[in-house]
Amino acid sequence: MRFPFTFMGFMALGLGLWVLVYLAGHELEPGSRGIAILAVVLLWGFAAYVLIRRVRRGPQH
């Protein structure tokens, strides 16, 4: 069975967006806000890697 990396990429995009929407609606302490922003950067970085790799190499790689 192939691991569903494309699905994981789309989920990472969605989770990153969800965290940003949460940040926009809530006031957090600076440390918590920094951790949340770091999570968004990591999620979107992973999503970009997975989805760009999928587009360049095709569905079998």
C-alpha atoms as a PDB file:
ATOM      1  CA  MET A   1       0.000   0.000   0.000  1.00  0.00           C
ATOM      2  CA  ARG A   2       1.286   3.426  -0.900  1.00  0.00           C
ATOM      3  CA  PHE A   3       1.440   5.993   1.847  1.00  0.00           C
ATOM      4  CA  PRO A   4      -1.082   8.807   1.176  1.00  0.00           C
ATOM      5  CA  PHE A   5       1.379  11.695   0.976  1.00  0.00           C
ATOM      6  CA  THR A   6      -0.837  13.791  -1.310  1.00  0.00           C
ATOM      7  CA  PHE A   7      -3.667  13.616   1.204  1.00  0.00           C
ATOM      8  CA  MET A   8      -1.211  14.508   3.966  1.00  0.00           C
ATOM      9  CA  GLY A   9      -0.103  17.545   1.958  1.00  0.00           C
ATOM     10  CA  PHE A  10      -3.646  18.825   1.601  1.00  0.00           C
ATOM     11  CA  MET A  11      -4.315  18.147   5.280  1.00  0.00           C
ATOM     12  CA  ALA A  12      -1.191  20.123   6.217  1.00  0.00           C
ATOM     13  CA  LEU A  13      -2.423  23.078   4.148  1.00  0.00           C
ATOM     14  CA  GLY A  14      -5.805  22.909   5.868  1.00  0.00           C
ATOM     15  CA  LEU A  15      -4.346  22.631   9.364  1.00  0.00           C
ATOM     16  CA  GLY A  16      -2.040  25.577   8.723  1.00  0.00           C
ATOM     17  CA  LEU A  17      -4.969  27.658   7.542  1.00  0.00           C
ATOM     18  CA  TRP A  18      -6.982  26.587  10.589  1.00  0.00           C
ATOM     19  CA  VAL A  19      -4.195  27.708  12.938  1.00  0.00           C
ATOM     20  CA  LEU A  20      -3.979  31.092  11.173  1.00  0.00           C
ATOM     21  CA  VAL A  21      -7.735  31.604  11.483  1.00  0.00           C
ATOM     22  CA  TYR A  22      -7.495  30.714  15.174  1.00  0.00           C
ATOM     23  CA  LEU A  23      -4.646  33.182  15.649  1.00  0.00           C
ATOM     24  CA  ALA A  24      -6.647  35.917  13.936  1.00  0.00           C
ATOM     25  CA  GLY A  25      -9.547  35.433  16.337  1.00  0.00           C
ATOM     26  CA  HIS A  26      -7.724  34.930  19.637  1.00  0.00           C
ATOM     27  CA  GLU A  27      -5.166  36.862  21.634  1.00  0.00           C
ATOM     28  CA  LEU A  28      -2.302  34.610  22.749  1.00  0.00           C
ATOM     29  CA  GLU A  29       0.836  35.137  24.781  1.00  0.00           C
ATOM     30  CA  PRO A  30       3.940  35.867  22.673  1.00  0.00           C
ATOM     31  CA  GLY A  31       5.452  32.421  23.288  1.00  0.00           C
ATOM     32  CA  SER A  32       2.268  30.604  22.323  1.00  0.00           C
ATOM     33  CA  ARG A  33       1.842  32.818  19.278  1.00  0.00           C
ATOM     34  CA  GLY A  34       5.403  32.046  18.180  1.00  0.00           C
ATOM     35  CA  ILE A  35       4.858  28.311  18.533  1.00  0.00           C
ATOM     36  CA  ALA A  36       1.643  28.555  16.504  1.00  0.00           C
ATOM     37  CA  ILE A  37       3.371  30.521  13.745  1.00  0.00           C
ATOM     38  CA  LEU A  38       6.202  27.977  13.721  1.00  0.00           C
ATOM     39  CA  ALA A  39       3.603  25.218  13.348  1.00  0.00           C
ATOM     40  CA  VAL A  40       2.092  27.017  10.341  1.00  0.00           C
ATOM     41  CA  VAL A  41       5.514  27.399   8.714  1.00  0.00           C
ATOM     42  CA  LEU A  42       6.351  23.728   9.257  1.00  0.00           C
ATOM     43  CA  LEU A  43       2.943  22.521   8.059  1.00  0.00           C
ATOM     44  CA  TRP A  44       3.041  24.629   4.916  1.00  0.00           C
ATOM     45  CA  GLY A  45       6.662  23.708   4.249  1.00  0.00           C
ATOM     46  CA  PHE A  46       5.796  20.013   4.424  1.00  0.00           C
ATOM     47  CA  ALA A  47       2.727  20.566   2.236  1.00  0.00           C
ATOM     48  CA  ALA A  48       4.752  22.449  -0.364  1.00  0.00           C
ATOM     49  CA  TYR A  49       7.412  19.736  -0.443  1.00  0.00           C
ATOM     50  CA  VAL A  50       4.892  16.919  -0.826  1.00  0.00           C
ATOM     51  CA  LEU A  51       2.604  18.596  -3.355  1.00  0.00           C
ATOM     52  CA  ILE A  52       5.360  20.093  -5.527  1.00  0.00           C
ATOM     53  CA  ARG A  53       7.117  16.728  -5.561  1.00  0.00           C
ATOM     54  CA  ARG A  54       3.850  15.095  -6.629  1.00  0.00           C
ATOM     55  CA  VAL A  55       3.358  17.573  -9.477  1.00  0.00           C
ATOM     56  CA  ARG A  56       6.937  17.262 -10.747  1.00  0.00           C
ATOM     57  CA  ARG A  57       7.364  13.492 -10.494  1.00  0.00           C
ATOM     58  CA  GLY A  58       3.849  12.244 -11.094  1.00  0.00           C
ATOM     59  CA  PRO A  59       1.613   9.913  -9.130  1.00  0.00           C
ATOM     60  CA  GLN A  60       3.975   6.938  -8.960  1.00  0.00           C
ATOM     61  CA  HIS A  61       6.824   8.627  -7.056  1.00  0.00           C
END
